[in-house]
PDB file of N, CA and C in Angstrom:
ATOM      1  N   MET A   1      92.651 159.111 -88.072  1.00  0.00           N
ATOM      2  CA  MET A   1      91.832 157.940 -88.052  1.00  0.00           C
ATOM      3  C   MET A   1      92.675 156.702 -87.757  1.00  0.00           C
ATOM      4  N   ASP A   2      92.232 155.902 -86.835  1.00  0.00           N
ATOM      5  CA  ASP A   2      92.954 154.681 -86.484  1.00  0.00           C
ATOM      6  C   ASP A   2      92.588 153.558 -87.452  1.00  0.00           C
ATOM      7  N   ASP A   3      93.565 152.756 -87.776  1.00  0.00           N
ATOM      8  CA  ASP A   3      93.346 151.620 -88.682  1.00  0.00           C
ATOM      9  C   ASP A   3      93.057 150.365 -87.852  1.00  0.00           C
ATOM     10  N   PRO A   4      91.826 149.810 -87.936  1.00  0.00           N
ATOM     11  CA  PRO A   4      91.490 148.622 -87.147  1.00  0.00           C
ATOM     12  C   PRO A   4      92.002 147.322 -87.776  1.00  0.00           C
ATOM     13  N   GLY A   5      92.825 147.414 -88.810  1.00  0.00           N
ATOM     14  CA  GLY A   5      93.328 146.230 -89.508  1.00  0.00           C
ATOM     15  C   GLY A   5      94.150 145.306 -88.620  1.00  0.00           C
ATOM     16  N   TRP A   6      94.955 145.877 -87.698  1.00  0.00           N
ATOM     17  CA  TRP A   6      95.774 145.035 -86.828  1.00  0.00           C
ATOM     18  C   TRP A   6      94.922 144.193 -85.902  1.00  0.00           C
ATOM     19  N   ALA A   7      93.768 144.718 -85.447  1.00  0.00           N
ATOM     20  CA  ALA A   7      92.888 143.960 -84.559  1.00  0.00           C
ATOM     21  C   ALA A   7      92.242 142.791 -85.308  1.00  0.00           C
ATOM     22  N   VAL A   8      91.881 143.041 -86.551  1.00  0.00           N
ATOM     23  CA  VAL A   8      91.282 141.980 -87.369  1.00  0.00           C
ATOM     24  C   VAL A   8      92.320 140.894 -87.624  1.00  0.00           C
ATOM     25  N   MET A   9      93.542 141.287 -87.954  1.00  0.00           N
ATOM     26  CA  MET A   9      94.608 140.314 -88.212  1.00  0.00           C
ATOM     27  C   MET A   9      94.938 139.506 -86.954  1.00  0.00           C
ATOM     28  N   ALA A  10      94.952 140.152 -85.795  1.00  0.00           N
ATOM     29  CA  ALA A  10      95.237 139.450 -84.543  1.00  0.00           C
ATOM     30  C   ALA A  10      94.134 138.448 -84.227  1.00  0.00           C
ATOM     31  N   THR A  11      92.896 138.825 -84.493  1.00  0.00           N
ATOM     32  CA  THR A  11      91.772 137.917 -84.256  1.00  0.00           C
ATOM     33  C   THR A  11      91.845 136.723 -85.193  1.00  0.00           C
ATOM     34  N   ILE A  12      92.142 136.947 -86.438  1.00  0.00           N
ATOM     35  CA  ILE A  12      92.273 135.860 -87.415  1.00  0.00           C
ATOM     36  C   ILE A  12      93.403 134.917 -87.014  1.00  0.00           C
ATOM     37  N   PHE A  13      94.545 135.482 -86.590  1.00  0.00           N
ATOM     38  CA  PHE A  13      95.668 134.665 -86.154  1.00  0.00           C
ATOM     39  C   PHE A  13      95.285 133.812 -84.949  1.00  0.00           C
ATOM     40  N   ALA A  14      94.600 134.400 -83.980  1.00  0.00           N
ATOM     41  CA  ALA A  14      94.194 133.662 -82.782  1.00  0.00           C
ATOM     42  C   ALA A  14      93.229 132.533 -83.129  1.00  0.00           C
ATOM     43  N   LEU A  15      92.295 132.789 -84.038  1.00  0.00           N
ATOM     44  CA  LEU A  15      91.350 131.753 -84.446  1.00  0.00           C
ATOM     45  C   LEU A  15      92.044 130.633 -85.206  1.00  0.00           C
ATOM     46  N   GLN A  16      93.000 130.962 -86.049  1.00  0.00           N
ATOM     47  CA  GLN A  16      93.751 129.936 -86.772  1.00  0.00           C
ATOM     48  C   GLN A  16      94.566 129.086 -85.805  1.00  0.00           C
ATOM     49  N   PHE A  17      95.186 129.726 -84.826  1.00  0.00           N
ATOM     50  CA  PHE A  17      95.962 128.990 -83.829  1.00  0.00           C
ATOM     51  C   PHE A  17      95.067 128.038 -83.044  1.00  0.00           C
ATOM     52  N   ALA A  18      93.915 128.526 -82.613  1.00  0.00           N
ATOM     53  CA  ALA A  18      92.990 127.690 -81.850  1.00  0.00           C
ATOM     54  C   ALA A  18      92.475 126.527 -82.695  1.00  0.00           C
ATOM     55  N   ALA A  19      92.181 126.769 -83.949  1.00  0.00           N
ATOM     56  CA  ALA A  19      91.662 125.714 -84.829  1.00  0.00           C
ATOM     57  C   ALA A  19      92.706 124.631 -85.070  1.00  0.00           C
ATOM     58  N   THR A  20      93.957 125.024 -85.331  1.00  0.00           N
ATOM     59  CA  THR A  20      94.991 124.022 -85.573  1.00  0.00           C
ATOM     60  C   THR A  20      95.340 123.265 -84.308  1.00  0.00           C
ATOM     61  N   THR A  21      95.353 123.929 -83.169  1.00  0.00           N
ATOM     62  CA  THR A  21      95.623 123.255 -81.905  1.00  0.00           C
ATOM     63  C   THR A  21      94.509 122.284 -81.565  1.00  0.00           C
ATOM     64  N   LEU A  22      93.283 122.690 -81.780  1.00  0.00           N
ATOM     65  CA  LEU A  22      92.140 121.826 -81.499  1.00  0.00           C
ATOM     66  C   LEU A  22      92.106 120.639 -82.451  1.00  0.00           C
ATOM     67  N   ALA A  23      92.515 120.838 -83.691  1.00  0.00           N
ATOM     68  CA  ALA A  23      92.541 119.733 -84.649  1.00  0.00           C
ATOM     69  C   ALA A  23      93.583 118.700 -84.266  1.00  0.00           C
ATOM     70  N   ARG A  24      94.704 119.140 -83.735  1.00  0.00           N
ATOM     71  CA  ARG A  24      95.758 118.213 -83.324  1.00  0.00           C
ATOM     72  C   ARG A  24      95.426 117.520 -82.010  1.00  0.00           C
ATOM     73  N   ASN A  25      94.827 118.229 -81.085  1.00  0.00           N
ATOM     74  CA  ASN A  25      94.554 117.682 -79.761  1.00  0.00           C
ATOM     75  C   ASN A  25      93.208 118.203 -79.281  1.00  0.00           C
ATOM     76  N   PRO A  26      92.109 117.445 -79.499  1.00  0.00           N
ATOM     77  CA  PRO A  26      90.784 117.927 -79.090  1.00  0.00           C
ATOM     78  C   PRO A  26      90.641 118.092 -77.580  1.00  0.00           C
ATOM     79  N   ARG A  27      91.481 117.422 -76.808  1.00  0.00           N
ATOM     80  CA  ARG A  27      91.382 117.539 -75.353  1.00  0.00           C
ATOM     81  C   ARG A  27      91.919 118.891 -74.850  1.00  0.00           C
ATOM     82  N   TRP A  28      92.539 119.654 -75.766  1.00  0.00           N
ATOM     83  CA  TRP A  28      93.002 120.997 -75.426  1.00  0.00           C
ATOM     84  C   TRP A  28      91.841 121.852 -74.971  1.00  0.00           C
ATOM     85  N   LEU A  29      90.684 121.620 -75.558  1.00  0.00           N
ATOM     86  CA  LEU A  29      89.497 122.377 -75.188  1.00  0.00           C
ATOM     87  C   LEU A  29      89.137 122.167 -73.727  1.00  0.00           C
ATOM     88  N   LEU A  30      89.364 120.949 -73.206  1.00  0.00           N
ATOM     89  CA  LEU A  30      89.057 120.672 -71.807  1.00  0.00           C
ATOM     90  C   LEU A  30      89.913 121.491 -70.853  1.00  0.00           C
ATOM     91  N   SER A  31      91.125 121.816 -71.282  1.00  0.00           N
ATOM     92  CA  SER A  31      91.962 122.629 -70.408  1.00  0.00           C
ATOM     93  C   SER A  31      91.444 124.063 -70.318  1.00  0.00           C
ATOM     94  N   MET A  32      90.675 124.476 -71.305  1.00  0.00           N
ATOM     95  CA  MET A  32      90.114 125.825 -71.296  1.00  0.00           C
ATOM     96  C   MET A  32      88.774 125.878 -70.574  1.00  0.00           C
ATOM     97  N   VAL A  33      87.998 124.802 -70.693  1.00  0.00           N
ATOM     98  CA  VAL A  33      86.663 124.753 -70.103  1.00  0.00           C
ATOM     99  C   VAL A  33      86.554 123.483 -69.272  1.00  0.00           C
ATOM    100  N   ARG A  34      86.075 123.598 -68.078  1.00  0.00           N
ATOM    101  CA  ARG A  34      85.904 122.429 -67.219  1.00  0.00           C
ATOM    102  C   ARG A  34      84.584 121.742 -67.551  1.00  0.00           C
ATOM    103  N   ILE A  35      84.673 120.521 -68.084  1.00  0.00           N
ATOM    104  CA  ILE A  35      83.487 119.748 -68.419  1.00  0.00           C
ATOM    105  C   ILE A  35      83.481 118.497 -67.554  1.00  0.00           C
ATOM    106  N   LYS A  36      82.401 118.283 -66.870  1.00  0.00           N
ATOM    107  CA  LYS A  36      82.282 117.112 -66.015  1.00  0.00           C
ATOM    108  C   LYS A  36      81.575 115.994 -66.775  1.00  0.00           C
ATOM    109  N   PRO A  37      81.955 114.735 -66.498  1.00  0.00           N
ATOM    110  CA  PRO A  37      81.241 113.635 -67.148  1.00  0.00           C
ATOM    111  C   PRO A  37      79.797 113.563 -66.673  1.00  0.00           C
ATOM    112  N   LYS A  38      78.892 113.244 -67.608  1.00  0.00           N
ATOM    113  CA  LYS A  38      77.473 113.131 -67.270  1.00  0.00           C
ATOM    114  C   LYS A  38      77.037 111.691 -67.463  1.00  0.00           C
ATOM    115  N   LYS A  39      76.207 111.222 -66.551  1.00  0.00           N
ATOM    116  CA  LYS A  39      75.696 109.858 -66.651  1.00  0.00           C
ATOM    117  C   LYS A  39      74.763 109.736 -67.852  1.00  0.00           C
ATOM    118  N   CYS A  40      74.833 108.598 -68.500  1.00  0.00           N
ATOM    119  CA  CYS A  40      73.936 108.312 -69.610  1.00  0.00           C
ATOM    120  C   CYS A  40      72.521 108.154 -69.056  1.00  0.00           C
ATOM    121  N   LYS A  41      71.567 108.795 -69.701  1.00  0.00           N
ATOM    122  CA  LYS A  41      70.189 108.747 -69.204  1.00  0.00           C
ATOM    123  C   LYS A  41      69.485 107.438 -69.557  1.00  0.00           C
ATOM    124  N   GLU A  42      69.982 106.745 -70.576  1.00  0.00           N
ATOM    125  CA  GLU A  42      69.331 105.497 -70.982  1.00  0.00           C
ATOM    126  C   GLU A  42      69.698 104.336 -70.052  1.00  0.00           C
ATOM    127  N   CYS A  43      70.974 104.218 -69.700  1.00  0.00           N
ATOM    128  CA  CYS A  43      71.405 103.103 -68.840  1.00  0.00           C
ATOM    129  C   CYS A  43      71.672 103.541 -67.399  1.00  0.00           C
ATOM    130  N   LEU A  44      71.466 104.808 -67.099  1.00  0.00           N
ATOM    131  CA  LEU A  44      71.680 105.385 -65.765  1.00  0.00           C
ATOM    132  C   LEU A  44      73.124 105.244 -65.281  1.00  0.00           C
ATOM    133  N   GLY A  45      74.053 105.254 -66.231  1.00  0.00           N
ATOM    134  CA  GLY A  45      75.468 105.226 -65.883  1.00  0.00           C
ATOM    135  C   GLY A  45      76.058 103.849 -65.695  1.00  0.00           C
ATOM    136  N   THR A  46      75.287 102.788 -65.894  1.00  0.00           N
ATOM    137  CA  THR A  46      75.811 101.437 -65.705  1.00  0.00           C
ATOM    138  C   THR A  46      76.554 100.914 -66.926  1.00  0.00           C
ATOM    139  N   GLY A  47      76.211 101.396 -68.121  1.00  0.00           N
ATOM    140  CA  GLY A  47      76.865 100.949 -69.332  1.00  0.00           C
ATOM    141  C   GLY A  47      76.139  99.810 -70.027  1.00  0.00           C
ATOM    142  N   TYR A  48      75.078  99.329 -69.425  1.00  0.00           N
ATOM    143  CA  TYR A  48      74.322  98.259 -70.059  1.00  0.00           C
ATOM    144  C   TYR A  48      72.831  98.419 -69.782  1.00  0.00           C
ATOM    145  N   ASN A  49      72.020  97.779 -70.618  1.00  0.00           N
ATOM    146  CA  ASN A  49      70.570  97.736 -70.437  1.00  0.00           C
ATOM    147  C   ASN A  49      70.153  96.283 -70.295  1.00  0.00           C
ATOM    148  N   LEU A  50      69.045  96.056 -69.647  1.00  0.00           N
ATOM    149  CA  LEU A  50      68.556  94.701 -69.491  1.00  0.00           C
ATOM    150  C   LEU A  50      68.048  94.180 -70.831  1.00  0.00           C
ATOM    151  N   CYS A  51      68.266  92.911 -71.087  1.00  0.00           N
ATOM    152  CA  CYS A  51      67.861  92.292 -72.338  1.00  0.00           C
ATOM    153  C   CYS A  51      66.342  92.149 -72.358  1.00  0.00           C
ATOM    154  N   LEU A  52      65.735  92.654 -73.406  1.00  0.00           N
ATOM    155  CA  LEU A  52      64.280  92.594 -73.519  1.00  0.00           C
ATOM    156  C   LEU A  52      63.803  91.279 -74.103  1.00  0.00           C
ATOM    157  N   MET A  53      64.676  90.567 -74.800  1.00  0.00           N
ATOM    158  CA  MET A  53      64.265  89.312 -75.410  1.00  0.00           C
ATOM    159  C   MET A  53      64.049  88.222 -74.353  1.00  0.00           C
ATOM    160  N   CYS A  54      64.944  88.130 -73.396  1.00  0.00           N
ATOM    161  CA  CYS A  54      64.822  87.104 -72.352  1.00  0.00           C
ATOM    162  C   CYS A  54      64.342  87.682 -71.028  1.00  0.00           C
ATOM    163  N   LYS A  55      64.034  88.971 -71.009  1.00  0.00           N
ATOM    164  CA  LYS A  55      63.598  89.683 -69.800  1.00  0.00           C
ATOM    165  C   LYS A  55      64.646  89.587 -68.676  1.00  0.00           C
ATOM    166  N   ALA A  56      65.899  89.733 -69.066  1.00  0.00           N
ATOM    167  CA  ALA A  56      67.058  89.770 -68.170  1.00  0.00           C
ATOM    168  C   ALA A  56      67.308  88.448 -67.447  1.00  0.00           C
ATOM    169  N   ARG A  57      66.766  87.347 -67.946  1.00  0.00           N
ATOM    170  CA  ARG A  57      67.015  86.041 -67.335  1.00  0.00           C
ATOM    171  C   ARG A  57      68.235  85.362 -67.935  1.00  0.00           C
ATOM    172  N   GLY A  58      68.549  85.670 -69.190  1.00  0.00           N
ATOM    173  CA  GLY A  58      69.659  85.023 -69.855  1.00  0.00           C
ATOM    174  C   GLY A  58      69.264  83.715 -70.517  1.00  0.00           C
ATOM    175  N   LYS A  59      67.996  83.338 -70.378  1.00  0.00           N
ATOM    176  CA  LYS A  59      67.516  82.077 -70.937  1.00  0.00           C
ATOM    177  C   LYS A  59      66.207  82.309 -71.669  1.00  0.00           C
ATOM    178  N   GLN A  60      65.965  81.498 -72.696  1.00  0.00           N
ATOM    179  CA  GLN A  60      64.714  81.565 -73.432  1.00  0.00           C
ATOM    180  C   GLN A  60      64.068  80.183 -73.421  1.00  0.00           C
ATOM    181  N   GLY A  61      62.769  80.189 -73.557  1.00  0.00           N
ATOM    182  CA  GLY A  61      62.038  78.925 -73.577  1.00  0.00           C
ATOM    183  C   GLY A  61      61.651  78.503 -72.168  1.00  0.00           C
ATOM    184  N   GLY A  62      61.360  77.237 -72.001  1.00  0.00           N
ATOM    185  CA  GLY A  62      61.043  76.730 -70.688  1.00  0.00           C
ATOM    186  C   GLY A  62      59.692  76.051 -70.634  1.00  0.00           C
ATOM    187  N   LEU A  63      59.197  75.843 -69.467  1.00  0.00           N
ATOM    188  CA  LEU A  63      57.989  75.071 -69.213  1.00  0.00           C
ATOM    189  C   LEU A  63      56.756  75.676 -69.858  1.00  0.00           C
ATOM    190  N   PHE A  64      56.567  76.970 -69.737  1.00  0.00           N
ATOM    191  CA  PHE A  64      55.333  77.597 -70.228  1.00  0.00           C
ATOM    192  C   PHE A  64      55.305  77.787 -71.748  1.00  0.00           C
ATOM    193  N   THR A  65      56.455  77.857 -72.380  1.00  0.00           N
ATOM    194  CA  THR A  65      56.481  78.045 -73.836  1.00  0.00           C
ATOM    195  C   THR A  65      56.470  76.722 -74.593  1.00  0.00           C
ATOM    196  N   GLY A  66      56.808  75.652 -73.946  1.00  0.00           N
ATOM    197  CA  GLY A  66      56.832  74.347 -74.587  1.00  0.00           C
ATOM    198  C   GLY A  66      58.111  74.058 -75.339  1.00  0.00           C
ATOM    199  N   SER A  67      59.055  74.981 -75.341  1.00  0.00           N
ATOM    200  CA  SER A  67      60.341  74.751 -76.001  1.00  0.00           C
ATOM    201  C   SER A  67      61.418  74.528 -74.943  1.00  0.00           C
ATOM    202  N   PRO A  68      62.504  73.865 -75.317  1.00  0.00           N
ATOM    203  CA  PRO A  68      63.555  73.602 -74.330  1.00  0.00           C
ATOM    204  C   PRO A  68      64.222  74.901 -73.859  1.00  0.00           C
ATOM    205  N   LEU A  69      64.713  74.896 -72.648  1.00  0.00           N
ATOM    206  CA  LEU A  69      65.380  76.058 -72.067  1.00  0.00           C
ATOM    207  C   LEU A  69      66.755  76.209 -72.710  1.00  0.00           C
ATOM    208  N   GLU A  70      66.996  77.365 -73.341  1.00  0.00           N
ATOM    209  CA  GLU A  70      68.260  77.627 -74.027  1.00  0.00           C
ATOM    210  C   GLU A  70      68.799  78.993 -73.652  1.00  0.00           C
ATOM    211  N   LYS A  71      70.084  79.173 -73.906  1.00  0.00           N
ATOM    212  CA  LYS A  71      70.729  80.458 -73.657  1.00  0.00           C
ATOM    213  C   LYS A  71      70.159  81.489 -74.633  1.00  0.00           C
ATOM    214  N   CYS A  72      69.940  82.720 -74.164  1.00  0.00           N
ATOM    215  CA  CYS A  72      69.396  83.797 -75.003  1.00  0.00           C
ATOM    216  C   CYS A  72      70.368  84.112 -76.136  1.00  0.00           C
ATOM    217  N   SER A  73      69.824  84.234 -77.340  1.00  0.00           N
ATOM    218  CA  SER A  73      70.669  84.497 -78.504  1.00  0.00           C
ATOM    219  C   SER A  73      71.082  85.966 -78.613  1.00  0.00           C
ATOM    220  N   LEU A  74      70.346  86.868 -77.992  1.00  0.00           N
ATOM    221  CA  LEU A  74      70.676  88.291 -78.084  1.00  0.00           C
ATOM    222  C   LEU A  74      71.775  88.689 -77.092  1.00  0.00           C
ATOM    223  N   CYS A  75      71.626  88.282 -75.852  1.00  0.00           N
ATOM    224  CA  CYS A  75      72.585  88.697 -74.812  1.00  0.00           C
ATOM    225  C   CYS A  75      73.617  87.618 -74.481  1.00  0.00           C
ATOM    226  N   GLN A  76      73.560  86.489 -75.177  1.00  0.00           N
ATOM    227  CA  GLN A  76      74.490  85.371 -74.952  1.00  0.00           C
ATOM    228  C   GLN A  76      74.429  84.831 -73.525  1.00  0.00           C
ATOM    229  N   GLY A  77      73.249  84.908 -72.915  1.00  0.00           N
ATOM    230  CA  GLY A  77      73.048  84.349 -71.583  1.00  0.00           C
ATOM    231  C   GLY A  77      73.446  85.247 -70.433  1.00  0.00           C
ATOM    232  N   ARG A  78      73.817  86.487 -70.708  1.00  0.00           N
ATOM    233  CA  ARG A  78      74.228  87.405 -69.636  1.00  0.00           C
ATOM    234  C   ARG A  78      73.055  88.148 -69.018  1.00  0.00           C
ATOM    235  N   GLY A  79      71.971  88.295 -69.745  1.00  0.00           N
ATOM    236  CA  GLY A  79      70.812  89.017 -69.232  1.00  0.00           C
ATOM    237  C   GLY A  79      70.892  90.520 -69.423  1.00  0.00           C
ATOM    238  N   LYS A  80      71.976  90.982 -70.004  1.00  0.00           N
ATOM    239  CA  LYS A  80      72.134  92.417 -70.253  1.00  0.00           C
ATOM    240  C   LYS A  80      72.869  92.616 -71.566  1.00  0.00           C
ATOM    241  N   ILE A  81      72.629  93.772 -72.194  1.00  0.00           N
ATOM    242  CA  ILE A  81      73.298  94.126 -73.433  1.00  0.00           C
ATOM    243  C   ILE A  81      73.947  95.500 -73.272  1.00  0.00           C
ATOM    244  N   SER A  82      74.983  95.749 -74.025  1.00  0.00           N
ATOM    245  CA  SER A  82      75.705  97.011 -73.942  1.00  0.00           C
ATOM    246  C   SER A  82      74.809  98.159 -74.392  1.00  0.00           C
ATOM    247  N   CYS A  83      74.883  99.281 -73.694  1.00  0.00           N
ATOM    248  CA  CYS A  83      74.068 100.450 -74.024  1.00  0.00           C
ATOM    249  C   CYS A  83      74.534 101.036 -75.350  1.00  0.00           C
ATOM    250  N   VAL A  84      73.589 101.260 -76.243  1.00  0.00           N
ATOM    251  CA  VAL A  84      73.907 101.778 -77.563  1.00  0.00           C
ATOM    252  C   VAL A  84      74.211 103.276 -77.512  1.00  0.00           C
ATOM    253  N   ARG A  85      73.503 103.997 -76.678  1.00  0.00           N
ATOM    254  CA  ARG A  85      73.656 105.453 -76.630  1.00  0.00           C
ATOM    255  C   ARG A  85      75.046 105.876 -76.144  1.00  0.00           C
ATOM    256  N   CYS A  86      75.566 105.216 -75.113  1.00  0.00           N
ATOM    257  CA  CYS A  86      76.869 105.615 -74.563  1.00  0.00           C
ATOM    258  C   CYS A  86      77.979 104.629 -74.921  1.00  0.00           C
ATOM    259  N   ALA A  87      77.687 103.654 -75.764  1.00  0.00           N
ATOM    260  CA  ALA A  87      78.650 102.629 -76.201  1.00  0.00           C
ATOM    261  C   ALA A  87      79.213 101.833 -75.023  1.00  0.00           C
ATOM    262  N   GLY A  88      78.402 101.630 -74.002  1.00  0.00           N
ATOM    263  CA  GLY A  88      78.807 100.805 -72.872  1.00  0.00           C
ATOM    264  C   GLY A  88      79.705 101.487 -71.856  1.00  0.00           C
ATOM    265  N   THR A  89      79.885 102.795 -71.958  1.00  0.00           N
ATOM    266  CA  THR A  89      80.764 103.498 -71.023  1.00  0.00           C
ATOM    267  C   THR A  89      80.022 104.037 -69.811  1.00  0.00           C
ATOM    268  N   GLY A  90      78.733 104.319 -69.961  1.00  0.00           N
ATOM    269  CA  GLY A  90      77.959 104.913 -68.875  1.00  0.00           C
ATOM    270  C   GLY A  90      78.052 106.425 -68.837  1.00  0.00           C
ATOM    271  N   ILE A  91      78.850 107.007 -69.737  1.00  0.00           N
ATOM    272  CA  ILE A  91      79.054 108.459 -69.765  1.00  0.00           C
ATOM    273  C   ILE A  91      78.436 109.014 -71.045  1.00  0.00           C
ATOM    274  N   ALA A  92      77.544 109.971 -70.896  1.00  0.00           N
ATOM    275  CA  ALA A  92      76.833 110.529 -72.050  1.00  0.00           C
ATOM    276  C   ALA A  92      77.758 111.363 -72.930  1.00  0.00           C
ATOM    277  N   ASN A  93      78.618 112.162 -72.347  1.00  0.00           N
ATOM    278  CA  ASN A  93      79.532 113.012 -73.119  1.00  0.00           C
ATOM    279  C   ASN A  93      80.929 112.387 -73.149  1.00  0.00           C
ATOM    280  N   ARG A  94      81.007 111.100 -73.495  1.00  0.00           N
ATOM    281  CA  ARG A  94      82.245 110.317 -73.439  1.00  0.00           C
ATOM    282  C   ARG A  94      83.308 110.787 -74.428  1.00  0.00           C
ATOM    283  N   LEU A  95      82.928 111.514 -75.473  1.00  0.00           N
ATOM    284  CA  LEU A  95      83.892 111.917 -76.489  1.00  0.00           C
ATOM    285  C   LEU A  95      84.896 112.940 -75.968  1.00  0.00           C
ATOM    286  N   PHE A  96      84.602 113.553 -74.837  1.00  0.00           N
ATOM    287  CA  PHE A  96      85.510 114.544 -74.252  1.00  0.00           C
ATOM    288  C   PHE A  96      86.508 113.927 -73.278  1.00  0.00           C
ATOM    289  N   PHE A  97      86.374 112.627 -72.998  1.00  0.00           N
ATOM    290  CA  PHE A  97      87.190 112.006 -71.964  1.00  0.00           C
ATOM    291  C   PHE A  97      87.916 110.788 -72.507  1.00  0.00           C
ATOM    292  N   ARG A  98      89.105 110.561 -72.037  1.00  0.00           N
ATOM    293  CA  ARG A  98      89.865 109.361 -72.370  1.00  0.00           C
ATOM    294  C   ARG A  98      89.531 108.327 -71.304  1.00  0.00           C
ATOM    295  N   LEU A  99      88.892 107.257 -71.724  1.00  0.00           N
ATOM    296  CA  LEU A  99      88.433 106.240 -70.783  1.00  0.00           C
ATOM    297  C   LEU A  99      89.475 105.145 -70.659  1.00  0.00           C
ATOM    298  N   LYS A 100      89.643 104.634 -69.433  1.00  0.00           N
ATOM    299  CA  LYS A 100      90.553 103.528 -69.203  1.00  0.00           C
ATOM    300  C   LYS A 100      89.868 102.243 -69.625  1.00  0.00           C
ATOM    301  N   LYS A 101      90.610 101.354 -70.235  1.00  0.00           N
ATOM    302  CA  LYS A 101      90.044 100.066 -70.638  1.00  0.00           C
ATOM    303  C   LYS A 101      89.895  99.197 -69.407  1.00  0.00           C
ATOM    304  N   SER A 102      88.725  98.609 -69.265  1.00  0.00           N
ATOM    305  CA  SER A 102      88.483  97.731 -68.131  1.00  0.00           C
ATOM    306  C   SER A 102      88.302  96.307 -68.624  1.00  0.00           C
ATOM    307  N   SER A 103      88.528  95.377 -67.758  1.00  0.00           N
ATOM    308  CA  SER A 103      88.352  93.974 -68.127  1.00  0.00           C
ATOM    309  C   SER A 103      86.998  93.495 -67.642  1.00  0.00           C
ATOM    310  N   ARG A 104      85.982  93.802 -68.427  1.00  0.00           N
ATOM    311  CA  ARG A 104      84.632  93.383 -68.052  1.00  0.00           C
ATOM    312  C   ARG A 104      84.400  91.959 -68.392  1.00  0.00           C
TER     313      ARG A 104
END
């Protein structure tokens, strides 16, 4: 009768090695599996959404509301806000990728 104990021990060792390697460097998994970045479905990959408070104008008030024209308090006058779902990166599965810092 063959003893399957060595196969069980080898499997346990391999799983422990993979777990410790993955804990130290999560990007190790990418070297094993090719994962492509996916566009965020909420912002369509742009990283921002249009401001709903000022309707992407960057200003509030005006002639029809009877209040003076002022900069939008939500978007600070830009007309857009950072996408919450992708944290402004435009990539849905951003946790698998190291993103370069940009000067927006």
